[in-house]
Amino acid sequence: MAKKILLVEDEELVIRILEKKLSEEGYEVLLARNGKEGLEVMRKEKPDLVLMDIVMPKMNGLETMEAMNNDPELKEFPVIVISNSGEPVEIERIKELGAKDWLIKTEFDPQEIIEKVIEQIGK
């Protein structure tokens, strides 16, 4: 059975690129366009990994990770953050909230995401 990856992202281009790349690698891709929706999908689908943007409408990635940490059912899901900001303060906060890894959106190559996903959950 394919491993499930939840992509919590609101940028169409990023969604299309990652959905295609992850599907080609054999993962089942679930989508949420904001943190609130992401939490609902996590509860329902129990993904193996969450790829999460930080800047999103309704509930941003940091708020979503805080909510995950306060929920025993959600706190175990590994998170890789995809962000536009590489600010040390933001990266420090992401680590404090338990993110396993992060990528800077403007610099990432889809293959790099696949490598980080495999590192966390295998194929």
C-alpha atoms as a PDB file:
ATOM      1  CA  MET A   1       0.000   0.000   0.000  1.00  0.00           C
ATOM      2  CA  ALA A   2       1.305   3.456  -0.918  1.00  0.00           C
ATOM      3  CA  LYS A   3       2.467   5.734   1.875  1.00  0.00           C
ATOM      4  CA  LYS A   4       0.315   8.829   2.319  1.00  0.00           C
ATOM      5  CA  ILE A   5       1.805  12.292   2.181  1.00  0.00           C
ATOM      6  CA  LEU A   6      -0.320  15.278   3.113  1.00  0.00           C
ATOM      7  CA  LEU A   7       0.673  18.429   1.236  1.00  0.00           C
ATOM      8  CA  VAL A   8      -0.541  21.519   3.121  1.00  0.00           C
ATOM      9  CA  GLU A   9       0.074  24.279   0.594  1.00  0.00           C
ATOM     10  CA  ASP A  10      -1.869  27.126  -1.021  1.00  0.00           C
ATOM     11  CA  GLU A  11       0.287  27.908  -4.079  1.00  0.00           C
ATOM     12  CA  GLU A  12      -1.085  26.158  -7.180  1.00  0.00           C
ATOM     13  CA  LEU A  13       2.274  25.853  -8.949  1.00  0.00           C
ATOM     14  CA  VAL A  14       3.963  24.246  -5.936  1.00  0.00           C
ATOM     15  CA  ILE A  15       0.986  21.903  -5.488  1.00  0.00           C
ATOM     16  CA  ARG A  16       1.139  20.759  -9.126  1.00  0.00           C
ATOM     17  CA  ILE A  17       4.911  20.201  -9.113  1.00  0.00           C
ATOM     18  CA  LEU A  18       4.968  18.296  -5.820  1.00  0.00           C
ATOM     19  CA  GLU A  19       1.816  16.301  -6.462  1.00  0.00           C
ATOM     20  CA  LYS A  20       3.227  15.095  -9.787  1.00  0.00           C
ATOM     21  CA  LYS A  21       6.693  14.295  -8.411  1.00  0.00           C
ATOM     22  CA  LEU A  22       5.420  12.485  -5.300  1.00  0.00           C
ATOM     23  CA  SER A  23       2.839  10.497  -7.303  1.00  0.00           C
ATOM     24  CA  GLU A  24       5.518   9.446  -9.794  1.00  0.00           C
ATOM     25  CA  GLU A  25       7.543   8.153  -6.839  1.00  0.00           C
ATOM     26  CA  GLY A  26       4.595   5.991  -5.758  1.00  0.00           C
ATOM     27  CA  TYR A  27       3.229   8.031  -2.857  1.00  0.00           C
ATOM     28  CA  GLU A  28      -0.458   8.781  -2.357  1.00  0.00           C
ATOM     29  CA  VAL A  29      -0.794  12.572  -2.174  1.00  0.00           C
ATOM     30  CA  LEU A  30      -3.470  14.205  -0.034  1.00  0.00           C
ATOM     31  CA  LEU A  31      -4.089  17.949  -0.345  1.00  0.00           C
ATOM     32  CA  ALA A  32      -5.075  20.717   2.049  1.00  0.00           C
ATOM     33  CA  ARG A  33      -4.921  24.399   1.113  1.00  0.00           C
ATOM     34  CA  ASN A  34      -4.582  25.804   4.636  1.00  0.00           C
ATOM     35  CA  GLY A  35      -3.699  24.639   8.132  1.00  0.00           C
ATOM     36  CA  LYS A  36      -7.284  24.254   9.320  1.00  0.00           C
ATOM     37  CA  GLU A  37      -8.067  21.944   6.404  1.00  0.00           C
ATOM     38  CA  GLY A  38      -4.721  20.194   7.009  1.00  0.00           C
ATOM     39  CA  LEU A  39      -5.674  19.279  10.582  1.00  0.00           C
ATOM     40  CA  GLU A  40      -9.007  17.840   9.376  1.00  0.00           C
ATOM     41  CA  VAL A  41      -7.274  15.710   6.724  1.00  0.00           C
ATOM     42  CA  MET A  42      -4.689  14.500   9.289  1.00  0.00           C
ATOM     43  CA  ARG A  43      -7.436  13.313  11.652  1.00  0.00           C
ATOM     44  CA  LYS A  44      -9.307  11.547   8.870  1.00  0.00           C
ATOM     45  CA  GLU A  45      -6.504  10.116   6.729  1.00  0.00           C
ATOM     46  CA  LYS A  46      -3.587   9.565   9.179  1.00  0.00           C
ATOM     47  CA  PRO A  47      -0.792  10.481   6.713  1.00  0.00           C
ATOM     48  CA  ASP A  48       2.709   9.020   7.011  1.00  0.00           C
ATOM     49  CA  LEU A  49       4.235  12.471   6.497  1.00  0.00           C
ATOM     50  CA  VAL A  50       3.133  16.108   6.261  1.00  0.00           C
ATOM     51  CA  LEU A  51       4.755  18.606   3.873  1.00  0.00           C
ATOM     52  CA  MET A  52       3.702  22.032   5.125  1.00  0.00           C
ATOM     53  CA  ASP A  53       3.962  25.604   3.941  1.00  0.00           C
ATOM     54  CA  ILE A  54       4.236  28.333   6.587  1.00  0.00           C
ATOM     55  CA  VAL A  55       2.403  31.265   4.971  1.00  0.00           C
ATOM     56  CA  MET A  56      -1.191  30.196   4.281  1.00  0.00           C
ATOM     57  CA  PRO A  57      -4.697  31.624   4.711  1.00  0.00           C
ATOM     58  CA  LYS A  58      -6.961  30.812   7.697  1.00  0.00           C
ATOM     59  CA  MET A  59      -4.251  29.057   9.754  1.00  0.00           C
ATOM     60  CA  ASN A  60      -0.551  29.290   8.986  1.00  0.00           C
ATOM     61  CA  GLY A  61       1.983  26.487   9.272  1.00  0.00           C
ATOM     62  CA  LEU A  62       3.324  27.534  12.681  1.00  0.00           C
ATOM     63  CA  GLU A  63      -0.210  27.688  14.139  1.00  0.00           C
ATOM     64  CA  THR A  64      -0.938  24.305  12.555  1.00  0.00           C
ATOM     65  CA  MET A  65       2.185  22.753  14.075  1.00  0.00           C
ATOM     66  CA  GLU A  66       1.260  24.231  17.488  1.00  0.00           C
ATOM     67  CA  ALA A  67      -2.199  22.648  17.186  1.00  0.00           C
ATOM     68  CA  MET A  68      -0.586  19.334  16.200  1.00  0.00           C
ATOM     69  CA  ASN A  69       1.692  19.464  19.260  1.00  0.00           C
ATOM     70  CA  ASN A  70      -1.334  19.977  21.511  1.00  0.00           C
ATOM     71  CA  ASP A  71      -3.163  16.978  20.065  1.00  0.00           C
ATOM     72  CA  PRO A  72      -1.831  13.532  21.050  1.00  0.00           C
ATOM     73  CA  GLU A  73      -3.438  12.049  17.930  1.00  0.00           C
ATOM     74  CA  LEU A  74      -1.590  14.436  15.576  1.00  0.00           C
ATOM     75  CA  LYS A  75       1.673  15.136  17.330  1.00  0.00           C
ATOM     76  CA  GLU A  76       3.415  12.003  16.018  1.00  0.00           C
ATOM     77  CA  PHE A  77       3.096  12.860  12.306  1.00  0.00           C
ATOM     78  CA  PRO A  78       6.495  13.884  10.938  1.00  0.00           C
ATOM     79  CA  VAL A  79       6.506  17.339   9.314  1.00  0.00           C
ATOM     80  CA  ILE A  80       8.801  18.760   6.651  1.00  0.00           C
ATOM     81  CA  VAL A  81       8.318  22.502   6.270  1.00  0.00           C
ATOM     82  CA  ILE A  82       8.477  24.212   2.881  1.00  0.00           C
ATOM     83  CA  SER A  83       8.876  27.935   3.408  1.00  0.00           C
ATOM     84  CA  ASN A  84       9.759  31.098   1.520  1.00  0.00           C
ATOM     85  CA  SER A  85      11.710  32.345   4.501  1.00  0.00           C
ATOM     86  CA  GLY A  86      15.098  31.093   5.549  1.00  0.00           C
ATOM     87  CA  GLU A  87      15.193  33.447   8.531  1.00  0.00           C
ATOM     88  CA  PRO A  88      17.099  31.879  11.462  1.00  0.00           C
ATOM     89  CA  VAL A  89      14.301  32.940  13.854  1.00  0.00           C
ATOM     90  CA  GLU A  90      11.690  31.116  11.780  1.00  0.00           C
ATOM     91  CA  ILE A  91      13.894  28.023  11.360  1.00  0.00           C
ATOM     92  CA  GLU A  92      14.488  27.968  15.120  1.00  0.00           C
ATOM     93  CA  ARG A  93      10.716  28.101  15.754  1.00  0.00           C
ATOM     94  CA  ILE A  94      10.092  25.367  13.167  1.00  0.00           C
ATOM     95  CA  LYS A  95      12.619  23.135  14.959  1.00  0.00           C
ATOM     96  CA  GLU A  96      11.103  23.917  18.377  1.00  0.00           C
ATOM     97  CA  LEU A  97       7.726  22.819  17.027  1.00  0.00           C
ATOM     98  CA  GLY A  98       9.220  19.494  15.990  1.00  0.00           C
ATOM     99  CA  ALA A  99       9.690  19.765  12.223  1.00  0.00           C
ATOM    100  CA  LYS A 100      11.940  16.966  11.008  1.00  0.00           C
ATOM    101  CA  ASP A 101      13.376  19.066   8.191  1.00  0.00           C
ATOM    102  CA  TRP A 102      12.715  22.134   6.071  1.00  0.00           C
ATOM    103  CA  LEU A 103      13.300  23.505   2.596  1.00  0.00           C
ATOM    104  CA  ILE A 104      13.390  27.031   1.259  1.00  0.00           C
ATOM    105  CA  LYS A 105      10.738  27.266  -1.482  1.00  0.00           C
ATOM    106  CA  THR A 106      12.718  29.536  -3.791  1.00  0.00           C
ATOM    107  CA  GLU A 107      15.722  27.210  -3.743  1.00  0.00           C
ATOM    108  CA  PHE A 108      14.287  23.705  -3.690  1.00  0.00           C
ATOM    109  CA  ASP A 109      14.492  21.157  -6.419  1.00  0.00           C
ATOM    110  CA  PRO A 110      11.620  18.605  -6.420  1.00  0.00           C
ATOM    111  CA  GLN A 111      14.188  15.776  -6.278  1.00  0.00           C
ATOM    112  CA  GLU A 112      15.505  17.220  -3.004  1.00  0.00           C
ATOM    113  CA  ILE A 113      12.027  16.906  -1.508  1.00  0.00           C
ATOM    114  CA  ILE A 114      11.850  13.259  -2.601  1.00  0.00           C
ATOM    115  CA  GLU A 115      15.203  12.609  -0.897  1.00  0.00           C
ATOM    116  CA  LYS A 116      13.996  14.239   2.335  1.00  0.00           C
ATOM    117  CA  VAL A 117      10.709  12.290   2.208  1.00  0.00           C
ATOM    118  CA  ILE A 118      12.563   8.983   1.704  1.00  0.00           C
ATOM    119  CA  GLU A 119      14.885   9.902   4.584  1.00  0.00           C
ATOM    120  CA  GLN A 120      11.852  10.306   6.876  1.00  0.00           C
ATOM    121  CA  ILE A 121       9.469   7.522   5.812  1.00  0.00           C
ATOM    122  CA  GLY A 122      11.189   5.418   3.159  1.00  0.00           C
ATOM    123  CA  LYS A 123       9.551   4.420  -0.134  1.00  0.00           C
END
